[in-house]
Amino acid sequence: MKPGPAKLIRVDGTIEPVLPKNDEDFSLEELQAFVGGCIEIVHPPSQAGAILVVNEEGRLRGLPLNGIATAVYGLDFVVGDALLCHTSQVR
């Protein structure tokens, strides 16, 4: 069974459903475009089978706090736009 749309969680609080262009998994280029640079993958402990893709250099670049993504992750604060998706959508 295919997972549903991923959720692009923006720093302004909006959440946009997004699908991979190939309907299977996101390319590196797609992920980089969503978060605005190099990616880092973190695993929210409260959501089995999910990953959160964030900007690896977000803190160094001074990106704004993402309150919703921070609440999803729960272990540390998240800055910049983030993508919440199923593990099978990132290879």
C-alpha atoms as a PDB file:
ATOM      1  CA  MET A   1       0.000   0.000   0.000  1.00  0.00           C
ATOM      2  CA  LYS A   2       1.332   3.430  -0.975  1.00  0.00           C
ATOM      3  CA  PRO A   3       1.625   6.085   1.723  1.00  0.00           C
ATOM      4  CA  GLY A   4      -0.464   9.205   1.380  1.00  0.00           C
ATOM      5  CA  PRO A   5       0.873  12.638   0.578  1.00  0.00           C
ATOM      6  CA  ALA A   6       3.788  13.986   2.564  1.00  0.00           C
ATOM      7  CA  LYS A   7       3.283  17.209   4.503  1.00  0.00           C
ATOM      8  CA  LEU A   8       5.385  20.268   3.806  1.00  0.00           C
ATOM      9  CA  ILE A   9       5.372  22.160   7.100  1.00  0.00           C
ATOM     10  CA  ARG A  10       6.248  25.795   6.501  1.00  0.00           C
ATOM     11  CA  VAL A  11       7.574  28.198   9.123  1.00  0.00           C
ATOM     12  CA  ASP A  12       4.458  30.364   8.696  1.00  0.00           C
ATOM     13  CA  GLY A  13       2.341  27.504  10.067  1.00  0.00           C
ATOM     14  CA  THR A  14       0.852  26.354   6.776  1.00  0.00           C
ATOM     15  CA  ILE A  15       0.897  22.670   5.898  1.00  0.00           C
ATOM     16  CA  GLU A  16       0.797  21.646   2.252  1.00  0.00           C
ATOM     17  CA  PRO A  17       0.272  18.064   1.046  1.00  0.00           C
ATOM     18  CA  VAL A  18       2.908  17.097  -1.528  1.00  0.00           C
ATOM     19  CA  LEU A  19       3.589  13.998  -3.602  1.00  0.00           C
ATOM     20  CA  PRO A  20       6.810  12.853  -5.260  1.00  0.00           C
ATOM     21  CA  LYS A  21       6.995  13.749  -8.938  1.00  0.00           C
ATOM     22  CA  ASN A  22       7.423  10.069  -9.812  1.00  0.00           C
ATOM     23  CA  ASP A  23       4.582   8.991  -7.461  1.00  0.00           C
ATOM     24  CA  GLU A  24       6.995   6.694  -5.591  1.00  0.00           C
ATOM     25  CA  ASP A  25       9.729   8.522  -3.679  1.00  0.00           C
ATOM     26  CA  PHE A  26      11.203  12.004  -3.499  1.00  0.00           C
ATOM     27  CA  SER A  27      14.417  12.764  -5.358  1.00  0.00           C
ATOM     28  CA  LEU A  28      17.267  14.513  -3.587  1.00  0.00           C
ATOM     29  CA  GLU A  29      16.570  17.594  -5.696  1.00  0.00           C
ATOM     30  CA  GLU A  30      12.920  17.649  -4.607  1.00  0.00           C
ATOM     31  CA  LEU A  31      13.889  17.350  -0.940  1.00  0.00           C
ATOM     32  CA  GLN A  32      16.488  20.100  -1.254  1.00  0.00           C
ATOM     33  CA  ALA A  33      13.921  22.384  -2.882  1.00  0.00           C
ATOM     34  CA  PHE A  34      11.415  21.796  -0.061  1.00  0.00           C
ATOM     35  CA  VAL A  35      13.883  22.696   2.707  1.00  0.00           C
ATOM     36  CA  GLY A  36      15.967  25.236   0.795  1.00  0.00           C
ATOM     37  CA  GLY A  37      19.361  23.509   0.859  1.00  0.00           C
ATOM     38  CA  CYS A  38      21.246  20.482   2.134  1.00  0.00           C
ATOM     39  CA  ILE A  39      18.997  17.955   3.828  1.00  0.00           C
ATOM     40  CA  GLU A  40      19.132  16.214   7.170  1.00  0.00           C
ATOM     41  CA  ILE A  41      16.784  13.387   8.077  1.00  0.00           C
ATOM     42  CA  VAL A  42      15.534  13.070  11.639  1.00  0.00           C
ATOM     43  CA  HIS A  43      13.202  10.477  13.133  1.00  0.00           C
ATOM     44  CA  PRO A  44      10.320  11.765  15.263  1.00  0.00           C
ATOM     45  CA  PRO A  45      10.112   9.282  18.155  1.00  0.00           C
ATOM     46  CA  SER A  46       6.338   9.603  18.467  1.00  0.00           C
ATOM     47  CA  GLN A  47       5.639   8.725  14.817  1.00  0.00           C
ATOM     48  CA  ALA A  48       6.738   5.245  13.791  1.00  0.00           C
ATOM     49  CA  GLY A  49       7.522   4.945  10.091  1.00  0.00           C
ATOM     50  CA  ALA A  50       7.835   8.698   9.628  1.00  0.00           C
ATOM     51  CA  ILE A  51      10.807  10.924   8.945  1.00  0.00           C
ATOM     52  CA  LEU A  52      11.233  14.653   9.058  1.00  0.00           C
ATOM     53  CA  VAL A  53      13.445  16.189   6.382  1.00  0.00           C
ATOM     54  CA  VAL A  54      14.997  19.482   7.491  1.00  0.00           C
ATOM     55  CA  ASN A  55      17.672  21.901   6.303  1.00  0.00           C
ATOM     56  CA  GLU A  56      20.993  20.628   7.642  1.00  0.00           C
ATOM     57  CA  GLU A  57      22.439  24.159   7.807  1.00  0.00           C
ATOM     58  CA  GLY A  58      19.255  25.846   8.997  1.00  0.00           C
ATOM     59  CA  ARG A  59      20.576  26.922  12.376  1.00  0.00           C
ATOM     60  CA  LEU A  60      23.851  28.178  10.924  1.00  0.00           C
ATOM     61  CA  ARG A  61      21.911  30.196   8.357  1.00  0.00           C
ATOM     62  CA  GLY A  62      19.599  31.648  11.009  1.00  0.00           C
ATOM     63  CA  LEU A  63      16.388  30.219   9.586  1.00  0.00           C
ATOM     64  CA  PRO A  64      13.262  30.971  11.641  1.00  0.00           C
ATOM     65  CA  LEU A  65      11.815  28.546  14.171  1.00  0.00           C
ATOM     66  CA  ASN A  66       9.243  26.100  12.813  1.00  0.00           C
ATOM     67  CA  GLY A  67       6.856  25.591  15.730  1.00  0.00           C
ATOM     68  CA  ILE A  68       4.768  22.833  14.176  1.00  0.00           C
ATOM     69  CA  ALA A  69       7.783  20.803  12.995  1.00  0.00           C
ATOM     70  CA  THR A  70       9.365  21.265  16.428  1.00  0.00           C
ATOM     71  CA  ALA A  71       6.235  19.834  18.060  1.00  0.00           C
ATOM     72  CA  VAL A  72       6.282  16.883  15.629  1.00  0.00           C
ATOM     73  CA  TYR A  73       9.965  16.147  16.276  1.00  0.00           C
ATOM     74  CA  GLY A  74       9.761  16.634  20.031  1.00  0.00           C
ATOM     75  CA  LEU A  75      13.469  16.189  20.810  1.00  0.00           C
ATOM     76  CA  ASP A  76      14.933  19.511  19.690  1.00  0.00           C
ATOM     77  CA  PHE A  77      13.827  22.646  17.899  1.00  0.00           C
ATOM     78  CA  VAL A  78      13.443  22.685  14.114  1.00  0.00           C
ATOM     79  CA  VAL A  79      14.131  25.708  11.935  1.00  0.00           C
ATOM     80  CA  GLY A  80      13.072  26.391   8.368  1.00  0.00           C
ATOM     81  CA  ASP A  81      10.537  24.526   6.285  1.00  0.00           C
ATOM     82  CA  ALA A  82      10.376  20.770   6.915  1.00  0.00           C
ATOM     83  CA  LEU A  83       8.887  17.769   5.148  1.00  0.00           C
ATOM     84  CA  LEU A  84       7.113  15.058   7.126  1.00  0.00           C
ATOM     85  CA  CYS A  85       6.809  11.850   5.131  1.00  0.00           C
ATOM     86  CA  HIS A  86       6.807   8.081   5.324  1.00  0.00           C
ATOM     87  CA  THR A  87      10.217   6.386   5.344  1.00  0.00           C
ATOM     88  CA  SER A  88       9.415   4.656   2.038  1.00  0.00           C
ATOM     89  CA  GLN A  89       9.142   8.042   0.312  1.00  0.00           C
ATOM     90  CA  VAL A  90      12.860   8.798   0.769  1.00  0.00           C
ATOM     91  CA  ARG A  91      15.540   6.442  -0.555  1.00  0.00           C
END
